[in-house]
């Protein structure tokens, strides 16, 4: 009989919360896409049909694109939607394939975590220095845009960690003779 709390029972609500935040962020990324399409469409109609170009469209599009990409990134990672070259894993026996794929997931975790850490340091620096994006329309604090980079990489790092296959399957009879 096990005493104390089970690690899975403790983590389950956190994992569900992470999934919920990711789903909500993905929906917001869709809204960013709508904002981009609307802004470009409005700009084209205003400029070419009414000879009255708007001053805000290009900046709104660039900000919405940055925010939208990093809001969608965790969902793409969760769904394994990133580009993958799978020739080598497909050629390996299942036991070694799982080990290789776990190594790849771990490297993805390390890379995303490192970028998230660097981005967080920049966010803090931008906030402390009150750094602004000097734009044609209106300057805004850089951290308003760059914080989404940190969110995207941090959440994706967590999904790479969650996607690790912590179990190493026992070799089958046919795999026992294979030496790598």
C-alpha atoms as a PDB file:
ATOM      1  CA  UNK A   1       0.000   0.000   0.000  1.00  0.00           C
ATOM      2  CA  UNK A   2       1.323   3.397  -0.980  1.00  0.00           C
ATOM      3  CA  UNK A   3       1.333   6.202   1.517  1.00  0.00           C
ATOM      4  CA  UNK A   4       1.427   9.837   0.570  1.00  0.00           C
ATOM      5  CA  UNK A   5       0.183  11.482  -2.572  1.00  0.00           C
ATOM      6  CA  UNK A   6       0.669   9.973  -5.970  1.00  0.00           C
ATOM      7  CA  UNK A   7       2.736  12.198  -8.282  1.00  0.00           C
ATOM      8  CA  UNK A   8       0.232  11.753 -11.108  1.00  0.00           C
ATOM      9  CA  UNK A   9      -2.628  12.844  -8.862  1.00  0.00           C
ATOM     10  CA  UNK A  10      -0.697  15.975  -7.937  1.00  0.00           C
ATOM     11  CA  UNK A  11       0.296  16.795 -11.517  1.00  0.00           C
ATOM     12  CA  UNK A  12      -3.029  15.983 -13.197  1.00  0.00           C
ATOM     13  CA  UNK A  13      -4.733  19.317 -12.357  1.00  0.00           C
ATOM     14  CA  UNK A  14      -1.612  21.230 -13.439  1.00  0.00           C
ATOM     15  CA  UNK A  15      -1.473  19.344 -16.724  1.00  0.00           C
ATOM     16  CA  UNK A  16      -5.180  19.985 -17.337  1.00  0.00           C
ATOM     17  CA  UNK A  17      -4.622  23.682 -16.596  1.00  0.00           C
ATOM     18  CA  UNK A  18      -1.675  23.747 -19.020  1.00  0.00           C
ATOM     19  CA  UNK A  19      -3.866  22.137 -21.695  1.00  0.00           C
ATOM     20  CA  UNK A  20      -6.671  24.634 -21.032  1.00  0.00           C
ATOM     21  CA  UNK A  21      -4.321  27.617 -21.277  1.00  0.00           C
ATOM     22  CA  UNK A  22      -2.887  26.180 -24.501  1.00  0.00           C
ATOM     23  CA  UNK A  23      -6.342  25.693 -26.008  1.00  0.00           C
ATOM     24  CA  UNK A  24      -7.345  29.240 -25.047  1.00  0.00           C
ATOM     25  CA  UNK A  25      -4.089  30.623 -26.471  1.00  0.00           C
ATOM     26  CA  UNK A  26      -4.707  28.761 -29.727  1.00  0.00           C
ATOM     27  CA  UNK A  27      -8.165  30.335 -29.970  1.00  0.00           C
ATOM     28  CA  UNK A  28      -6.582  33.752 -29.398  1.00  0.00           C
ATOM     29  CA  UNK A  29      -4.093  33.001 -32.172  1.00  0.00           C
ATOM     30  CA  UNK A  30      -7.057  32.486 -34.493  1.00  0.00           C
ATOM     31  CA  UNK A  31      -8.331  35.900 -33.420  1.00  0.00           C
ATOM     32  CA  UNK A  32      -4.934  37.346 -34.329  1.00  0.00           C
ATOM     33  CA  UNK A  33      -5.350  35.871 -37.804  1.00  0.00           C
ATOM     34  CA  UNK A  34      -8.768  37.527 -38.117  1.00  0.00           C
ATOM     35  CA  UNK A  35      -7.207  40.844 -37.050  1.00  0.00           C
ATOM     36  CA  UNK A  36      -4.495  40.438 -39.700  1.00  0.00           C
ATOM     37  CA  UNK A  37      -6.982  39.687 -42.489  1.00  0.00           C
ATOM     38  CA  UNK A  38      -9.283  42.514 -41.422  1.00  0.00           C
ATOM     39  CA  UNK A  39      -6.434  45.040 -41.169  1.00  0.00           C
ATOM     40  CA  UNK A  40      -5.002  44.197 -44.577  1.00  0.00           C
ATOM     41  CA  UNK A  41      -8.446  44.151 -46.191  1.00  0.00           C
ATOM     42  CA  UNK A  42      -9.409  47.455 -44.618  1.00  0.00           C
ATOM     43  CA  UNK A  43      -6.092  48.986 -45.717  1.00  0.00           C
ATOM     44  CA  UNK A  44      -6.562  47.831 -49.333  1.00  0.00           C
ATOM     45  CA  UNK A  45     -10.157  49.076 -49.557  1.00  0.00           C
ATOM     46  CA  UNK A  46      -9.353  52.390 -47.880  1.00  0.00           C
ATOM     47  CA  UNK A  47      -6.260  53.002 -49.989  1.00  0.00           C
ATOM     48  CA  UNK A  48      -7.456  51.937 -53.439  1.00  0.00           C
ATOM     49  CA  UNK A  49     -11.186  52.655 -53.367  1.00  0.00           C
ATOM     50  CA  UNK A  50     -11.269  55.770 -51.203  1.00  0.00           C
ATOM     51  CA  UNK A  51      -7.694  57.101 -51.610  1.00  0.00           C
ATOM     52  CA  UNK A  52      -7.499  57.292 -47.810  1.00  0.00           C
ATOM     53  CA  UNK A  53      -4.808  54.934 -46.515  1.00  0.00           C
ATOM     54  CA  UNK A  54      -4.929  54.127 -42.820  1.00  0.00           C
ATOM     55  CA  UNK A  55      -1.928  54.775 -40.615  1.00  0.00           C
ATOM     56  CA  UNK A  56      -2.265  51.831 -38.262  1.00  0.00           C
ATOM     57  CA  UNK A  57      -2.710  48.717 -40.425  1.00  0.00           C
ATOM     58  CA  UNK A  58       0.928  47.679 -40.950  1.00  0.00           C
ATOM     59  CA  UNK A  59       1.784  47.878 -37.278  1.00  0.00           C
ATOM     60  CA  UNK A  60      -1.330  46.045 -36.175  1.00  0.00           C
ATOM     61  CA  UNK A  61      -0.530  43.278 -38.659  1.00  0.00           C
ATOM     62  CA  UNK A  62       3.091  42.927 -37.525  1.00  0.00           C
ATOM     63  CA  UNK A  63       2.146  42.839 -33.844  1.00  0.00           C
ATOM     64  CA  UNK A  64      -0.737  40.414 -34.403  1.00  0.00           C
ATOM     65  CA  UNK A  65       1.528  38.133 -36.452  1.00  0.00           C
ATOM     66  CA  UNK A  66       4.150  37.944 -33.704  1.00  0.00           C
ATOM     67  CA  UNK A  67       1.605  37.422 -30.953  1.00  0.00           C
ATOM     68  CA  UNK A  68      -0.409  34.915 -33.012  1.00  0.00           C
ATOM     69  CA  UNK A  69       2.584  32.739 -33.895  1.00  0.00           C
ATOM     70  CA  UNK A  70       3.687  32.378 -30.291  1.00  0.00           C
ATOM     71  CA  UNK A  71       0.148  31.815 -29.041  1.00  0.00           C
ATOM     72  CA  UNK A  72      -0.236  28.942 -31.541  1.00  0.00           C
ATOM     73  CA  UNK A  73       3.205  27.418 -30.941  1.00  0.00           C
ATOM     74  CA  UNK A  74       2.306  25.359 -27.821  1.00  0.00           C
ATOM     75  CA  UNK A  75      -0.722  23.781 -29.525  1.00  0.00           C
ATOM     76  CA  UNK A  76       1.394  22.834 -32.530  1.00  0.00           C
ATOM     77  CA  UNK A  77       3.922  21.248 -30.169  1.00  0.00           C
ATOM     78  CA  UNK A  78       1.198  19.421 -28.245  1.00  0.00           C
ATOM     79  CA  UNK A  79      -0.183  17.965 -31.494  1.00  0.00           C
ATOM     80  CA  UNK A  80       3.308  17.038 -32.768  1.00  0.00           C
ATOM     81  CA  UNK A  81       2.573  19.348 -35.690  1.00  0.00           C
ATOM     82  CA  UNK A  82       6.144  20.536 -36.168  1.00  0.00           C
ATOM     83  CA  UNK A  83       8.200  19.427 -39.154  1.00  0.00           C
ATOM     84  CA  UNK A  84       9.886  16.091 -38.536  1.00  0.00           C
ATOM     85  CA  UNK A  85      12.162  13.970 -40.675  1.00  0.00           C
ATOM     86  CA  UNK A  86      11.229  10.454 -39.647  1.00  0.00           C
ATOM     87  CA  UNK A  87      13.323   8.289 -41.975  1.00  0.00           C
ATOM     88  CA  UNK A  88      15.792   7.121 -39.324  1.00  0.00           C
ATOM     89  CA  UNK A  89      13.247   6.444 -36.555  1.00  0.00           C
ATOM     90  CA  UNK A  90      11.082   4.477 -38.977  1.00  0.00           C
ATOM     91  CA  UNK A  91      14.003   2.230 -39.880  1.00  0.00           C
ATOM     92  CA  UNK A  92      14.779   1.359 -36.262  1.00  0.00           C
ATOM     93  CA  UNK A  93      13.210  -1.441 -34.220  1.00  0.00           C
ATOM     94  CA  UNK A  94      10.521  -0.144 -31.811  1.00  0.00           C
ATOM     95  CA  UNK A  95      12.732  -0.224 -28.722  1.00  0.00           C
ATOM     96  CA  UNK A  96      15.471   1.918 -30.283  1.00  0.00           C
ATOM     97  CA  UNK A  97      12.936   4.101 -32.075  1.00  0.00           C
ATOM     98  CA  UNK A  98      11.352   5.033 -28.734  1.00  0.00           C
ATOM     99  CA  UNK A  99      14.745   5.804 -27.232  1.00  0.00           C
ATOM    100  CA  UNK A 100      15.688   8.006 -30.200  1.00  0.00           C
ATOM    101  CA  UNK A 101      12.332   9.799 -30.174  1.00  0.00           C
ATOM    102  CA  UNK A 102      12.660  10.412 -26.433  1.00  0.00           C
ATOM    103  CA  UNK A 103      16.120  11.888 -27.013  1.00  0.00           C
ATOM    104  CA  UNK A 104      14.706  14.148 -29.709  1.00  0.00           C
ATOM    105  CA  UNK A 105      11.898  15.255 -27.365  1.00  0.00           C
ATOM    106  CA  UNK A 106      14.479  15.985 -24.663  1.00  0.00           C
ATOM    107  CA  UNK A 107      16.616  18.062 -27.045  1.00  0.00           C
ATOM    108  CA  UNK A 108      13.462  19.948 -28.076  1.00  0.00           C
ATOM    109  CA  UNK A 109      12.738  20.585 -24.397  1.00  0.00           C
ATOM    110  CA  UNK A 110      16.269  21.864 -23.763  1.00  0.00           C
ATOM    111  CA  UNK A 111      16.222  24.135 -26.830  1.00  0.00           C
ATOM    112  CA  UNK A 112      12.805  25.643 -26.060  1.00  0.00           C
ATOM    113  CA  UNK A 113      13.637  26.041 -22.366  1.00  0.00           C
ATOM    114  CA  UNK A 114      16.911  27.816 -23.219  1.00  0.00           C
ATOM    115  CA  UNK A 115      15.174  30.214 -25.615  1.00  0.00           C
ATOM    116  CA  UNK A 116      12.404  30.832 -23.061  1.00  0.00           C
ATOM    117  CA  UNK A 117      15.021  31.635 -20.417  1.00  0.00           C
ATOM    118  CA  UNK A 118      16.850  34.066 -22.724  1.00  0.00           C
ATOM    119  CA  UNK A 119      13.571  35.653 -23.765  1.00  0.00           C
ATOM    120  CA  UNK A 120      12.466  36.020 -20.143  1.00  0.00           C
ATOM    121  CA  UNK A 121      15.728  37.788 -19.330  1.00  0.00           C
ATOM    122  CA  UNK A 122      15.071  40.173 -22.216  1.00  0.00           C
ATOM    123  CA  UNK A 123      11.489  40.716 -21.036  1.00  0.00           C
ATOM    124  CA  UNK A 124      12.742  41.683 -17.602  1.00  0.00           C
ATOM    125  CA  UNK A 125      15.390  43.954 -19.095  1.00  0.00           C
ATOM    126  CA  UNK A 126      12.860  45.638 -21.380  1.00  0.00           C
ATOM    127  CA  UNK A 127      10.466  46.159 -18.495  1.00  0.00           C
ATOM    128  CA  UNK A 128      13.140  47.621 -16.204  1.00  0.00           C
ATOM    129  CA  UNK A 129      14.549  49.905 -18.923  1.00  0.00           C
ATOM    130  CA  UNK A 130      11.047  50.791 -20.128  1.00  0.00           C
ATOM    131  CA  UNK A 131      12.190  49.996 -23.667  1.00  0.00           C
ATOM    132  CA  UNK A 132       9.779  51.083 -26.377  1.00  0.00           C
ATOM    133  CA  UNK A 133       9.107  49.939 -29.916  1.00  0.00           C
ATOM    134  CA  UNK A 134       9.475  53.144 -31.863  1.00  0.00           C
ATOM    135  CA  UNK A 135       6.762  52.802 -34.438  1.00  0.00           C
ATOM    136  CA  UNK A 136       5.239  55.073 -37.008  1.00  0.00           C
ATOM    137  CA  UNK A 137       1.955  55.184 -35.161  1.00  0.00           C
ATOM    138  CA  UNK A 138       2.561  55.135 -31.433  1.00  0.00           C
ATOM    139  CA  UNK A 139       5.457  53.797 -29.371  1.00  0.00           C
ATOM    140  CA  UNK A 140       4.551  50.839 -27.137  1.00  0.00           C
ATOM    141  CA  UNK A 141       6.610  48.937 -24.559  1.00  0.00           C
ATOM    142  CA  UNK A 142       8.586  46.128 -26.213  1.00  0.00           C
ATOM    143  CA  UNK A 143       7.634  43.730 -23.442  1.00  0.00           C
ATOM    144  CA  UNK A 144       4.001  43.853 -24.637  1.00  0.00           C
ATOM    145  CA  UNK A 145       5.085  41.945 -27.742  1.00  0.00           C
ATOM    146  CA  UNK A 146       8.165  40.022 -26.609  1.00  0.00           C
ATOM    147  CA  UNK A 147       6.425  38.448 -23.594  1.00  0.00           C
ATOM    148  CA  UNK A 148       4.483  36.251 -26.031  1.00  0.00           C
ATOM    149  CA  UNK A 149       7.763  34.812 -27.301  1.00  0.00           C
ATOM    150  CA  UNK A 150       8.568  33.701 -23.770  1.00  0.00           C
ATOM    151  CA  UNK A 151       5.091  32.219 -23.366  1.00  0.00           C
ATOM    152  CA  UNK A 152       5.315  30.247 -26.611  1.00  0.00           C
ATOM    153  CA  UNK A 153       8.740  28.759 -25.960  1.00  0.00           C
ATOM    154  CA  UNK A 154       8.109  28.016 -22.283  1.00  0.00           C
ATOM    155  CA  UNK A 155       4.812  26.269 -22.926  1.00  0.00           C
ATOM    156  CA  UNK A 156       6.305  24.338 -25.858  1.00  0.00           C
ATOM    157  CA  UNK A 157       9.221  23.285 -23.646  1.00  0.00           C
ATOM    158  CA  UNK A 158       6.726  21.878 -21.164  1.00  0.00           C
ATOM    159  CA  UNK A 159       4.985  19.923 -23.937  1.00  0.00           C
ATOM    160  CA  UNK A 160       8.293  18.475 -25.130  1.00  0.00           C
ATOM    161  CA  UNK A 161       8.927  17.374 -21.547  1.00  0.00           C
ATOM    162  CA  UNK A 162       5.412  15.949 -21.242  1.00  0.00           C
ATOM    163  CA  UNK A 163       5.814  14.068 -24.548  1.00  0.00           C
ATOM    164  CA  UNK A 164       8.894  12.197 -23.361  1.00  0.00           C
ATOM    165  CA  UNK A 165       8.416   8.453 -23.273  1.00  0.00           C
ATOM    166  CA  UNK A 166       9.747   7.675 -19.813  1.00  0.00           C
ATOM    167  CA  UNK A 167       9.325   3.936 -20.288  1.00  0.00           C
ATOM    168  CA  UNK A 168      11.937   1.879 -22.112  1.00  0.00           C
ATOM    169  CA  UNK A 169      10.252  -1.205 -23.532  1.00  0.00           C
ATOM    170  CA  UNK A 170      11.901  -4.583 -23.116  1.00  0.00           C
ATOM    171  CA  UNK A 171      13.483  -5.864 -26.319  1.00  0.00           C
ATOM    172  CA  UNK A 172      11.472  -8.360 -28.311  1.00  0.00           C
ATOM    173  CA  UNK A 173      13.000 -11.697 -29.362  1.00  0.00           C
ATOM    174  CA  UNK A 174      13.961 -10.358 -32.784  1.00  0.00           C
ATOM    175  CA  UNK A 175      15.668  -7.305 -31.274  1.00  0.00           C
ATOM    176  CA  UNK A 176      17.839  -9.185 -28.804  1.00  0.00           C
ATOM    177  CA  UNK A 177      20.448  -9.961 -31.460  1.00  0.00           C
ATOM    178  CA  UNK A 178      20.674  -6.407 -32.822  1.00  0.00           C
ATOM    179  CA  UNK A 179      23.703  -4.448 -31.671  1.00  0.00           C
ATOM    180  CA  UNK A 180      23.953  -0.731 -32.305  1.00  0.00           C
END
